[in-house]
Amino acid sequence: GHILSNQNRCLRRDTQEGIEDALLDL
């Protein structure tokens, strides 16, 4: 009940989707 996150994120940095999610986290 205390953890928030971008749960559906992509972790691959060699894809645009993954970099977008990294920026979101930042």
mmCIF file of all heavy atoms, coordinates in Angstrom:
data_MODEL
# 
_entry.id   MODEL 
# 
loop_
_atom_site.group_PDB 
_atom_site.id 
_atom_site.type_symbol 
_atom_site.label_atom_id 
_atom_site.label_alt_id 
_atom_site.label_comp_id 
_atom_site.label_asym_id 
_atom_site.label_entity_id 
_atom_site.label_seq_id 
_atom_site.pdbx_PDB_ins_code 
_atom_site.Cartn_x 
_atom_site.Cartn_y 
_atom_site.Cartn_z 
_atom_site.occupancy 
_atom_site.B_iso_or_equiv 
_atom_site.pdbx_formal_charge 
_atom_site.auth_seq_id 
_atom_site.auth_comp_id 
_atom_site.auth_asym_id 
_atom_site.auth_atom_id 
_atom_site.pdbx_PDB_model_num 
ATOM 1   N N   . GLY A 1 1  ? 0.784  -1.227 0.000   1.00 0.00 ? 1  GLY A N   1 
ATOM 2   C CA  . GLY A 1 1  ? 0.000  0.000  0.000   1.00 0.00 ? 1  GLY A CA  1 
ATOM 3   C C   . GLY A 1 1  ? 0.814  1.274  0.000   1.00 0.00 ? 1  GLY A C   1 
ATOM 4   O O   . GLY A 1 1  ? 0.245  2.372  -0.050  1.00 0.00 ? 1  GLY A O   1 
ATOM 5   N N   . HIS A 1 2  ? 2.135  1.152  0.029   1.00 0.00 ? 2  HIS A N   1 
ATOM 6   C CA  . HIS A 1 2  ? 2.982  2.354  0.103   1.00 0.00 ? 2  HIS A CA  1 
ATOM 7   C C   . HIS A 1 2  ? 3.808  2.589  -1.173  1.00 0.00 ? 2  HIS A C   1 
ATOM 8   O O   . HIS A 1 2  ? 4.504  3.604  -1.255  1.00 0.00 ? 2  HIS A O   1 
ATOM 9   C CB  . HIS A 1 2  ? 3.944  2.244  1.292   1.00 0.00 ? 2  HIS A CB  1 
ATOM 10  C CG  . HIS A 1 2  ? 3.279  2.360  2.622   1.00 0.00 ? 2  HIS A CG  1 
ATOM 11  N ND1 . HIS A 1 2  ? 2.991  3.569  3.223   1.00 0.00 ? 2  HIS A ND1 1 
ATOM 12  C CD2 . HIS A 1 2  ? 2.834  1.396  3.470   1.00 0.00 ? 2  HIS A CD2 1 
ATOM 13  C CE1 . HIS A 1 2  ? 2.402  3.354  4.391   1.00 0.00 ? 2  HIS A CE1 1 
ATOM 14  N NE2 . HIS A 1 2  ? 2.293  2.044  4.569   1.00 0.00 ? 2  HIS A NE2 1 
ATOM 15  N N   . ILE A 1 3  ? 3.758  1.675  -2.134  1.00 0.00 ? 3  ILE A N   1 
ATOM 16  C CA  . ILE A 1 3  ? 4.613  1.774  -3.317  1.00 0.00 ? 3  ILE A CA  1 
ATOM 17  C C   . ILE A 1 3  ? 3.820  2.265  -4.527  1.00 0.00 ? 3  ILE A C   1 
ATOM 18  O O   . ILE A 1 3  ? 2.784  1.688  -4.892  1.00 0.00 ? 3  ILE A O   1 
ATOM 19  C CB  . ILE A 1 3  ? 5.269  0.422  -3.656  1.00 0.00 ? 3  ILE A CB  1 
ATOM 20  C CG1 . ILE A 1 3  ? 6.070  -0.107 -2.445  1.00 0.00 ? 3  ILE A CG1 1 
ATOM 21  C CG2 . ILE A 1 3  ? 6.163  0.564  -4.884  1.00 0.00 ? 3  ILE A CG2 1 
ATOM 22  C CD1 . ILE A 1 3  ? 7.233  0.767  -2.041  1.00 0.00 ? 3  ILE A CD1 1 
ATOM 23  N N   . LEU A 1 4  ? 4.322  3.321  -5.145  1.00 0.00 ? 4  LEU A N   1 
ATOM 24  C CA  . LEU A 1 4  ? 3.802  3.814  -6.416  1.00 0.00 ? 4  LEU A CA  1 
ATOM 25  C C   . LEU A 1 4  ? 4.891  3.617  -7.469  1.00 0.00 ? 4  LEU A C   1 
ATOM 26  O O   . LEU A 1 4  ? 6.079  3.709  -7.173  1.00 0.00 ? 4  LEU A O   1 
ATOM 27  C CB  . LEU A 1 4  ? 3.449  5.298  -6.327  1.00 0.00 ? 4  LEU A CB  1 
ATOM 28  C CG  . LEU A 1 4  ? 2.436  5.724  -5.261  1.00 0.00 ? 4  LEU A CG  1 
ATOM 29  C CD1 . LEU A 1 4  ? 2.379  7.247  -5.184  1.00 0.00 ? 4  LEU A CD1 1 
ATOM 30  C CD2 . LEU A 1 4  ? 1.071  5.148  -5.567  1.00 0.00 ? 4  LEU A CD2 1 
ATOM 31  N N   . SER A 1 5  ? 4.474  3.382  -8.708  1.00 0.00 ? 5  SER A N   1 
ATOM 32  C CA  . SER A 1 5  ? 5.460  3.244  -9.784  1.00 0.00 ? 5  SER A CA  1 
ATOM 33  C C   . SER A 1 5  ? 4.755  3.298  -11.125 1.00 0.00 ? 5  SER A C   1 
ATOM 34  O O   . SER A 1 5  ? 3.530  3.228  -11.213 1.00 0.00 ? 5  SER A O   1 
ATOM 35  C CB  . SER A 1 5  ? 6.238  1.919  -9.659  1.00 0.00 ? 5  SER A CB  1 
ATOM 36  O OG  . SER A 1 5  ? 5.393  0.821  -9.970  1.00 0.00 ? 5  SER A OG  1 
ATOM 37  N N   . ASN A 1 6  ? 5.554  3.404  -12.160 1.00 0.00 ? 6  ASN A N   1 
ATOM 38  C CA  . ASN A 1 6  ? 5.071  3.260  -13.528 1.00 0.00 ? 6  ASN A CA  1 
ATOM 39  C C   . ASN A 1 6  ? 5.148  1.773  -13.848 1.00 0.00 ? 6  ASN A C   1 
ATOM 40  O O   . ASN A 1 6  ? 6.142  1.289  -14.385 1.00 0.00 ? 6  ASN A O   1 
ATOM 41  C CB  . ASN A 1 6  ? 5.939  4.082  -14.484 1.00 0.00 ? 6  ASN A CB  1 
ATOM 42  C CG  . ASN A 1 6  ? 5.544  3.901  -15.929 1.00 0.00 ? 6  ASN A CG  1 
ATOM 43  O OD1 . ASN A 1 6  ? 4.389  3.599  -16.243 1.00 0.00 ? 6  ASN A OD1 1 
ATOM 44  N ND2 . ASN A 1 6  ? 6.506  4.066  -16.820 1.00 0.00 ? 6  ASN A ND2 1 
ATOM 45  N N   . GLN A 1 7  ? 4.109  1.044  -13.512 1.00 0.00 ? 7  GLN A N   1 
ATOM 46  C CA  . GLN A 1 7  ? 4.174  -0.417 -13.493 1.00 0.00 ? 7  GLN A CA  1 
ATOM 47  C C   . GLN A 1 7  ? 4.328  -1.050 -14.870 1.00 0.00 ? 7  GLN A C   1 
ATOM 48  O O   . GLN A 1 7  ? 4.895  -2.136 -14.984 1.00 0.00 ? 7  GLN A O   1 
ATOM 49  C CB  . GLN A 1 7  ? 2.933  -0.979 -12.794 1.00 0.00 ? 7  GLN A CB  1 
ATOM 50  C CG  . GLN A 1 7  ? 2.931  -0.749 -11.283 1.00 0.00 ? 7  GLN A CG  1 
ATOM 51  C CD  . GLN A 1 7  ? 1.781  -1.437 -10.591 1.00 0.00 ? 7  GLN A CD  1 
ATOM 52  O OE1 . GLN A 1 7  ? 0.759  -0.822 -10.327 1.00 0.00 ? 7  GLN A OE1 1 
ATOM 53  N NE2 . GLN A 1 7  ? 1.939  -2.715 -10.306 1.00 0.00 ? 7  GLN A NE2 1 
ATOM 54  N N   . ASN A 1 8  ? 3.847  -0.419 -15.906 1.00 0.00 ? 8  ASN A N   1 
ATOM 55  C CA  . ASN A 1 8  ? 3.900  -1.026 -17.238 1.00 0.00 ? 8  ASN A CA  1 
ATOM 56  C C   . ASN A 1 8  ? 5.088  -0.532 -18.052 1.00 0.00 ? 8  ASN A C   1 
ATOM 57  O O   . ASN A 1 8  ? 5.058  -0.516 -19.273 1.00 0.00 ? 8  ASN A O   1 
ATOM 58  C CB  . ASN A 1 8  ? 2.599  -0.745 -17.988 1.00 0.00 ? 8  ASN A CB  1 
ATOM 59  C CG  . ASN A 1 8  ? 1.397  -1.373 -17.310 1.00 0.00 ? 8  ASN A CG  1 
ATOM 60  O OD1 . ASN A 1 8  ? 1.467  -2.502 -16.834 1.00 0.00 ? 8  ASN A OD1 1 
ATOM 61  N ND2 . ASN A 1 8  ? 0.301  -0.636 -17.248 1.00 0.00 ? 8  ASN A ND2 1 
ATOM 62  N N   . ARG A 1 9  ? 6.154  -0.127 -17.363 1.00 0.00 ? 9  ARG A N   1 
ATOM 63  C CA  . ARG A 1 9  ? 7.301  0.470  -18.039 1.00 0.00 ? 9  ARG A CA  1 
ATOM 64  C C   . ARG A 1 9  ? 8.103  -0.548 -18.847 1.00 0.00 ? 9  ARG A C   1 
ATOM 65  O O   . ARG A 1 9  ? 8.124  -1.743 -18.537 1.00 0.00 ? 9  ARG A O   1 
ATOM 66  C CB  . ARG A 1 9  ? 8.221  1.137  -17.022 1.00 0.00 ? 9  ARG A CB  1 
ATOM 67  C CG  . ARG A 1 9  ? 8.882  0.173  -16.043 1.00 0.00 ? 9  ARG A CG  1 
ATOM 68  C CD  . ARG A 1 9  ? 9.524  0.925  -14.884 1.00 0.00 ? 9  ARG A CD  1 
ATOM 69  N NE  . ARG A 1 9  ? 10.134 0.018  -13.925 1.00 0.00 ? 9  ARG A NE  1 
ATOM 70  C CZ  . ARG A 1 9  ? 9.479  -0.622 -12.982 1.00 0.00 ? 9  ARG A CZ  1 
ATOM 71  N NH1 . ARG A 1 9  ? 8.171  -0.483 -12.875 1.00 0.00 ? 9  ARG A NH1 1 
ATOM 72  N NH2 . ARG A 1 9  ? 10.118 -1.413 -12.126 1.00 0.00 ? 9  ARG A NH2 1 
ATOM 73  N N   . CYS A 1 10 ? 8.769  -0.032 -19.858 1.00 0.00 ? 10 CYS A N   1 
ATOM 74  C CA  . CYS A 1 10 ? 9.721  -0.816 -20.651 1.00 0.00 ? 10 CYS A CA  1 
ATOM 75  C C   . CYS A 1 10 ? 11.119 -0.534 -20.115 1.00 0.00 ? 10 CYS A C   1 
ATOM 76  O O   . CYS A 1 10 ? 11.485 0.623  -19.901 1.00 0.00 ? 10 CYS A O   1 
ATOM 77  C CB  . CYS A 1 10 ? 9.620  -0.416 -22.125 1.00 0.00 ? 10 CYS A CB  1 
ATOM 78  S SG  . CYS A 1 10 ? 10.888 -1.166 -23.171 1.00 0.00 ? 10 CYS A SG  1 
ATOM 79  N N   . LEU A 1 11 ? 11.920 -1.562 -19.901 1.00 0.00 ? 11 LEU A N   1 
ATOM 80  C CA  . LEU A 1 11 ? 13.247 -1.406 -19.312 1.00 0.00 ? 11 LEU A CA  1 
ATOM 81  C C   . LEU A 1 11 ? 14.368 -1.434 -20.338 1.00 0.00 ? 11 LEU A C   1 
ATOM 82  O O   . LEU A 1 11 ? 15.535 -1.275 -19.981 1.00 0.00 ? 11 LEU A O   1 
ATOM 83  C CB  . LEU A 1 11 ? 13.487 -2.508 -18.266 1.00 0.00 ? 11 LEU A CB  1 
ATOM 84  C CG  . LEU A 1 11 ? 12.544 -2.477 -17.062 1.00 0.00 ? 11 LEU A CG  1 
ATOM 85  C CD1 . LEU A 1 11 ? 12.798 -3.679 -16.156 1.00 0.00 ? 11 LEU A CD1 1 
ATOM 86  C CD2 . LEU A 1 11 ? 12.688 -1.190 -16.277 1.00 0.00 ? 11 LEU A CD2 1 
ATOM 87  N N   . ARG A 1 12 ? 14.043 -1.556 -21.600 1.00 0.00 ? 12 ARG A N   1 
ATOM 88  C CA  . ARG A 1 12 ? 15.076 -1.619 -22.638 1.00 0.00 ? 12 ARG A CA  1 
ATOM 89  C C   . ARG A 1 12 ? 15.483 -0.210 -23.055 1.00 0.00 ? 12 ARG A C   1 
ATOM 90  O O   . ARG A 1 12 ? 14.651 0.592  -23.488 1.00 0.00 ? 12 ARG A O   1 
ATOM 91  C CB  . ARG A 1 12 ? 14.561 -2.391 -23.852 1.00 0.00 ? 12 ARG A CB  1 
ATOM 92  C CG  . ARG A 1 12 ? 14.359 -3.866 -23.578 1.00 0.00 ? 12 ARG A CG  1 
ATOM 93  C CD  . ARG A 1 12 ? 13.969 -4.590 -24.853 1.00 0.00 ? 12 ARG A CD  1 
ATOM 94  N NE  . ARG A 1 12 ? 14.948 -4.390 -25.929 1.00 0.00 ? 12 ARG A NE  1 
ATOM 95  C CZ  . ARG A 1 12 ? 14.840 -4.948 -27.124 1.00 0.00 ? 12 ARG A CZ  1 
ATOM 96  N NH1 . ARG A 1 12 ? 13.812 -5.737 -27.403 1.00 0.00 ? 12 ARG A NH1 1 
ATOM 97  N NH2 . ARG A 1 12 ? 15.761 -4.721 -28.049 1.00 0.00 ? 12 ARG A NH2 1 
ATOM 98  N N   . ARG A 1 13 ? 16.778 0.083  -22.918 1.00 0.00 ? 13 ARG A N   1 
ATOM 99  C CA  . ARG A 1 13 ? 17.264 1.422  -23.271 1.00 0.00 ? 13 ARG A CA  1 
ATOM 100 C C   . ARG A 1 13 ? 17.608 1.533  -24.750 1.00 0.00 ? 13 ARG A C   1 
ATOM 101 O O   . ARG A 1 13 ? 17.943 2.608  -25.228 1.00 0.00 ? 13 ARG A O   1 
ATOM 102 C CB  . ARG A 1 13 ? 18.494 1.769  -22.414 1.00 0.00 ? 13 ARG A CB  1 
ATOM 103 C CG  . ARG A 1 13 ? 18.170 1.834  -20.917 1.00 0.00 ? 13 ARG A CG  1 
ATOM 104 C CD  . ARG A 1 13 ? 17.095 2.863  -20.626 1.00 0.00 ? 13 ARG A CD  1 
ATOM 105 N NE  . ARG A 1 13 ? 16.733 2.910  -19.210 1.00 0.00 ? 13 ARG A NE  1 
ATOM 106 C CZ  . ARG A 1 13 ? 15.566 2.519  -18.727 1.00 0.00 ? 13 ARG A CZ  1 
ATOM 107 N NH1 . ARG A 1 13 ? 14.653 2.004  -19.542 1.00 0.00 ? 13 ARG A NH1 1 
ATOM 108 N NH2 . ARG A 1 13 ? 15.305 2.601  -17.443 1.00 0.00 ? 13 ARG A NH2 1 
ATOM 109 N N   . ASP A 1 14 ? 17.535 0.422  -25.483 1.00 0.00 ? 14 ASP A N   1 
ATOM 110 C CA  . ASP A 1 14 ? 17.779 0.478  -26.921 1.00 0.00 ? 14 ASP A CA  1 
ATOM 111 C C   . ASP A 1 14 ? 16.485 0.671  -27.714 1.00 0.00 ? 14 ASP A C   1 
ATOM 112 O O   . ASP A 1 14 ? 16.455 0.487  -28.927 1.00 0.00 ? 14 ASP A O   1 
ATOM 113 C CB  . ASP A 1 14 ? 18.508 -0.786 -27.402 1.00 0.00 ? 14 ASP A CB  1 
ATOM 114 C CG  . ASP A 1 14 ? 17.725 -2.064 -27.116 1.00 0.00 ? 14 ASP A CG  1 
ATOM 115 O OD1 . ASP A 1 14 ? 16.727 -2.003 -26.366 1.00 0.00 ? 14 ASP A OD1 1 
ATOM 116 O OD2 . ASP A 1 14 ? 18.104 -3.121 -27.652 1.00 0.00 ? 14 ASP A OD2 1 
ATOM 117 N N   . THR A 1 15 ? 15.406 1.067  -27.014 1.00 0.00 ? 15 THR A N   1 
ATOM 118 C CA  . THR A 1 15 ? 14.139 1.362  -27.667 1.00 0.00 ? 15 THR A CA  1 
ATOM 119 C C   . THR A 1 15 ? 13.652 2.735  -27.225 1.00 0.00 ? 15 THR A C   1 
ATOM 120 O O   . THR A 1 15 ? 13.951 3.199  -26.114 1.00 0.00 ? 15 THR A O   1 
ATOM 121 C CB  . THR A 1 15 ? 13.057 0.329  -27.314 1.00 0.00 ? 15 THR A CB  1 
ATOM 122 O OG1 . THR A 1 15 ? 12.716 0.446  -25.915 1.00 0.00 ? 15 THR A OG1 1 
ATOM 123 C CG2 . THR A 1 15 ? 13.535 -1.087 -27.584 1.00 0.00 ? 15 THR A CG2 1 
ATOM 124 N N   . GLN A 1 16 ? 12.890 3.381  -28.080 1.00 0.00 ? 16 GLN A N   1 
ATOM 125 C CA  . GLN A 1 16 ? 12.340 4.690  -27.724 1.00 0.00 ? 16 GLN A CA  1 
ATOM 126 C C   . GLN A 1 16 ? 11.388 4.572  -26.542 1.00 0.00 ? 16 GLN A C   1 
ATOM 127 O O   . GLN A 1 16 ? 11.391 5.426  -25.645 1.00 0.00 ? 16 GLN A O   1 
ATOM 128 C CB  . GLN A 1 16 ? 11.617 5.308  -28.920 1.00 0.00 ? 16 GLN A CB  1 
ATOM 129 C CG  . GLN A 1 16 ? 11.023 6.682  -28.612 1.00 0.00 ? 16 GLN A CG  1 
ATOM 130 C CD  . GLN A 1 16 ? 10.589 7.433  -29.860 1.00 0.00 ? 16 GLN A CD  1 
ATOM 131 O OE1 . GLN A 1 16 ? 11.253 7.389  -30.880 1.00 0.00 ? 16 GLN A OE1 1 
ATOM 132 N NE2 . GLN A 1 16 ? 9.476  8.135  -29.783 1.00 0.00 ? 16 GLN A NE2 1 
ATOM 133 N N   . GLU A 1 17 ? 10.586 3.518  -26.519 1.00 0.00 ? 17 GLU A N   1 
ATOM 134 C CA  . GLU A 1 17 ? 9.651  3.323  -25.414 1.00 0.00 ? 17 GLU A CA  1 
ATOM 135 C C   . GLU A 1 17 ? 10.383 3.235  -24.076 1.00 0.00 ? 17 GLU A C   1 
ATOM 136 O O   . GLU A 1 17 ? 9.949  3.803  -23.066 1.00 0.00 ? 17 GLU A O   1 
ATOM 137 C CB  . GLU A 1 17 ? 8.829  2.058  -25.650 1.00 0.00 ? 17 GLU A CB  1 
ATOM 138 C CG  . GLU A 1 17 ? 7.796  1.782  -24.561 1.00 0.00 ? 17 GLU A CG  1 
ATOM 139 C CD  . GLU A 1 17 ? 7.061  0.470  -24.762 1.00 0.00 ? 17 GLU A CD  1 
ATOM 140 O OE1 . GLU A 1 17 ? 7.401  -0.278 -25.716 1.00 0.00 ? 17 GLU A OE1 1 
ATOM 141 O OE2 . GLU A 1 17 ? 6.153  0.165  -23.954 1.00 0.00 ? 17 GLU A OE2 1 
ATOM 142 N N   . GLY A 1 18 ? 11.496 2.517  -24.069 1.00 0.00 ? 18 GLY A N   1 
ATOM 143 C CA  . GLY A 1 18 ? 12.258 2.378  -22.832 1.00 0.00 ? 18 GLY A CA  1 
ATOM 144 C C   . GLY A 1 18 ? 12.836 3.690  -22.355 1.00 0.00 ? 18 GLY A C   1 
ATOM 145 O O   . GLY A 1 18 ? 12.856 3.979  -21.150 1.00 0.00 ? 18 GLY A O   1 
ATOM 146 N N   . ILE A 1 19 ? 13.311 4.541  -23.273 1.00 0.00 ? 19 ILE A N   1 
ATOM 147 C CA  . ILE A 1 19 ? 13.866 5.836  -22.896 1.00 0.00 ? 19 ILE A CA  1 
ATOM 148 C C   . ILE A 1 19 ? 12.764 6.777  -22.432 1.00 0.00 ? 19 ILE A C   1 
ATOM 149 O O   . ILE A 1 19 ? 12.946 7.554  -21.487 1.00 0.00 ? 19 ILE A O   1 
ATOM 150 C CB  . ILE A 1 19 ? 14.655 6.439  -24.069 1.00 0.00 ? 19 ILE A CB  1 
ATOM 151 C CG1 . ILE A 1 19 ? 15.829 5.524  -24.434 1.00 0.00 ? 19 ILE A CG1 1 
ATOM 152 C CG2 . ILE A 1 19 ? 15.171 7.825  -23.707 1.00 0.00 ? 19 ILE A CG2 1 
ATOM 153 C CD1 . ILE A 1 19 ? 16.777 5.233  -23.295 1.00 0.00 ? 19 ILE A CD1 1 
ATOM 154 N N   . GLU A 1 20 ? 11.610 6.712  -23.063 1.00 0.00 ? 20 GLU A N   1 
ATOM 155 C CA  . GLU A 1 20 ? 10.483 7.534  -22.609 1.00 0.00 ? 20 GLU A CA  1 
ATOM 156 C C   . GLU A 1 20 ? 10.115 7.177  -21.173 1.00 0.00 ? 20 GLU A C   1 
ATOM 157 O O   . GLU A 1 20 ? 9.851  8.059  -20.341 1.00 0.00 ? 20 GLU A O   1 
ATOM 158 C CB  . GLU A 1 20 ? 9.289  7.327  -23.532 1.00 0.00 ? 20 GLU A CB  1 
ATOM 159 C CG  . GLU A 1 20 ? 9.461  7.927  -24.922 1.00 0.00 ? 20 GLU A CG  1 
ATOM 160 C CD  . GLU A 1 20 ? 8.324  7.571  -25.859 1.00 0.00 ? 20 GLU A CD  1 
ATOM 161 O OE1 . GLU A 1 20 ? 7.471  6.736  -25.466 1.00 0.00 ? 20 GLU A OE1 1 
ATOM 162 O OE2 . GLU A 1 20 ? 8.274  8.120  -26.973 1.00 0.00 ? 20 GLU A OE2 1 
ATOM 163 N N   . ASP A 1 21 ? 10.108 5.888  -20.857 1.00 0.00 ? 21 ASP A N   1 
ATOM 164 C CA  . ASP A 1 21 ? 9.781  5.468  -19.491 1.00 0.00 ? 21 ASP A CA  1 
ATOM 165 C C   . ASP A 1 21 ? 10.873 5.857  -18.506 1.00 0.00 ? 21 ASP A C   1 
ATOM 166 O O   . ASP A 1 21 ? 10.585 6.161  -17.340 1.00 0.00 ? 21 ASP A O   1 
ATOM 167 C CB  . ASP A 1 21 ? 9.521  3.962  -19.451 1.00 0.00 ? 21 ASP A CB  1 
ATOM 168 C CG  . ASP A 1 21 ? 8.154  3.589  -20.011 1.00 0.00 ? 21 ASP A CG  1 
ATOM 169 O OD1 . ASP A 1 21 ? 7.251  4.450  -20.016 1.00 0.00 ? 21 ASP A OD1 1 
ATOM 170 O OD2 . ASP A 1 21 ? 7.989  2.434  -20.459 1.00 0.00 ? 21 ASP A OD2 1 
ATOM 171 N N   . ALA A 1 22 ? 12.122 5.857  -18.950 1.00 0.00 ? 22 ALA A N   1 
ATOM 172 C CA  . ALA A 1 22 ? 13.203 6.316  -18.078 1.00 0.00 ? 22 ALA A CA  1 
ATOM 173 C C   . ALA A 1 22 ? 13.031 7.797  -17.761 1.00 0.00 ? 22 ALA A C   1 
ATOM 174 O O   . ALA A 1 22 ? 13.209 8.225  -16.613 1.00 0.00 ? 22 ALA A O   1 
ATOM 175 C CB  . ALA A 1 22 ? 14.559 6.074  -18.751 1.00 0.00 ? 22 ALA A CB  1 
ATOM 176 N N   . LEU A 1 23 ? 12.685 8.588  -18.772 1.00 0.00 ? 23 LEU A N   1 
ATOM 177 C CA  . LEU A 1 23 ? 12.457 10.012 -18.537 1.00 0.00 ? 23 LEU A CA  1 
ATOM 178 C C   . LEU A 1 23 ? 11.281 10.220 -17.583 1.00 0.00 ? 23 LEU A C   1 
ATOM 179 O O   . LEU A 1 23 ? 11.324 11.075 -16.693 1.00 0.00 ? 23 LEU A O   1 
ATOM 180 C CB  . LEU A 1 23 ? 12.212 10.729 -19.859 1.00 0.00 ? 23 LEU A CB  1 
ATOM 181 C CG  . LEU A 1 23 ? 12.031 12.254 -19.774 1.00 0.00 ? 23 LEU A CG  1 
ATOM 182 C CD1 . LEU A 1 23 ? 12.698 12.943 -20.948 1.00 0.00 ? 23 LEU A CD1 1 
ATOM 183 C CD2 . LEU A 1 23 ? 10.551 12.640 -19.742 1.00 0.00 ? 23 LEU A CD2 1 
ATOM 184 N N   . LEU A 1 24 ? 10.241 9.426  -17.764 1.00 0.00 ? 24 LEU A N   1 
ATOM 185 C CA  . LEU A 1 24 ? 9.085  9.497  -16.869 1.00 0.00 ? 24 LEU A CA  1 
ATOM 186 C C   . LEU A 1 24 ? 9.512  9.257  -15.426 1.00 0.00 ? 24 LEU A C   1 
ATOM 187 O O   . LEU A 1 24 ? 9.150  10.017 -14.514 1.00 0.00 ? 24 LEU A O   1 
ATOM 188 C CB  . LEU A 1 24 ? 8.057  8.457  -17.303 1.00 0.00 ? 24 LEU A CB  1 
ATOM 189 C CG  . LEU A 1 24 ? 6.706  8.482  -16.586 1.00 0.00 ? 24 LEU A CG  1 
ATOM 190 C CD1 . LEU A 1 24 ? 5.852  9.611  -17.132 1.00 0.00 ? 24 LEU A CD1 1 
ATOM 191 C CD2 . LEU A 1 24 ? 5.991  7.148  -16.755 1.00 0.00 ? 24 LEU A CD2 1 
ATOM 192 N N   . ASP A 1 25 ? 10.300 8.209  -15.192 1.00 0.00 ? 25 ASP A N   1 
ATOM 193 C CA  . ASP A 1 25 ? 10.778 7.919  -13.838 1.00 0.00 ? 25 ASP A CA  1 
ATOM 194 C C   . ASP A 1 25 ? 11.620 9.063  -13.289 1.00 0.00 ? 25 ASP A C   1 
ATOM 195 O O   . ASP A 1 25 ? 11.503 9.431  -12.113 1.00 0.00 ? 25 ASP A O   1 
ATOM 196 C CB  . ASP A 1 25 ? 11.606 6.634  -13.835 1.00 0.00 ? 25 ASP A CB  1 
ATOM 197 C CG  . ASP A 1 25 ? 10.765 5.389  -13.605 1.00 0.00 ? 25 ASP A CG  1 
ATOM 198 O OD1 . ASP A 1 25 ? 9.603  5.513  -13.193 1.00 0.00 ? 25 ASP A OD1 1 
ATOM 199 O OD2 . ASP A 1 25 ? 11.283 4.281  -13.836 1.00 0.00 ? 25 ASP A OD2 1 
ATOM 200 N N   . LEU A 1 26 ? 12.483 9.619  -14.133 1.00 0.00 ? 26 LEU A N   1 
ATOM 201 C CA  . LEU A 1 26 ? 13.356 10.706 -13.685 1.00 0.00 ? 26 LEU A CA  1 
ATOM 202 C C   . LEU A 1 26 ? 12.546 11.902 -13.194 1.00 0.00 ? 26 LEU A C   1 
ATOM 203 O O   . LEU A 1 26 ? 12.808 12.433 -12.101 1.00 0.00 ? 26 LEU A O   1 
ATOM 204 C CB  . LEU A 1 26 ? 14.273 11.131 -14.835 1.00 0.00 ? 26 LEU A CB  1 
ATOM 205 C CG  . LEU A 1 26 ? 15.189 12.330 -14.550 1.00 0.00 ? 26 LEU A CG  1 
ATOM 206 C CD1 . LEU A 1 26 ? 16.226 11.963 -13.503 1.00 0.00 ? 26 LEU A CD1 1 
ATOM 207 C CD2 . LEU A 1 26 ? 15.867 12.799 -15.835 1.00 0.00 ? 26 LEU A CD2 1 
# 
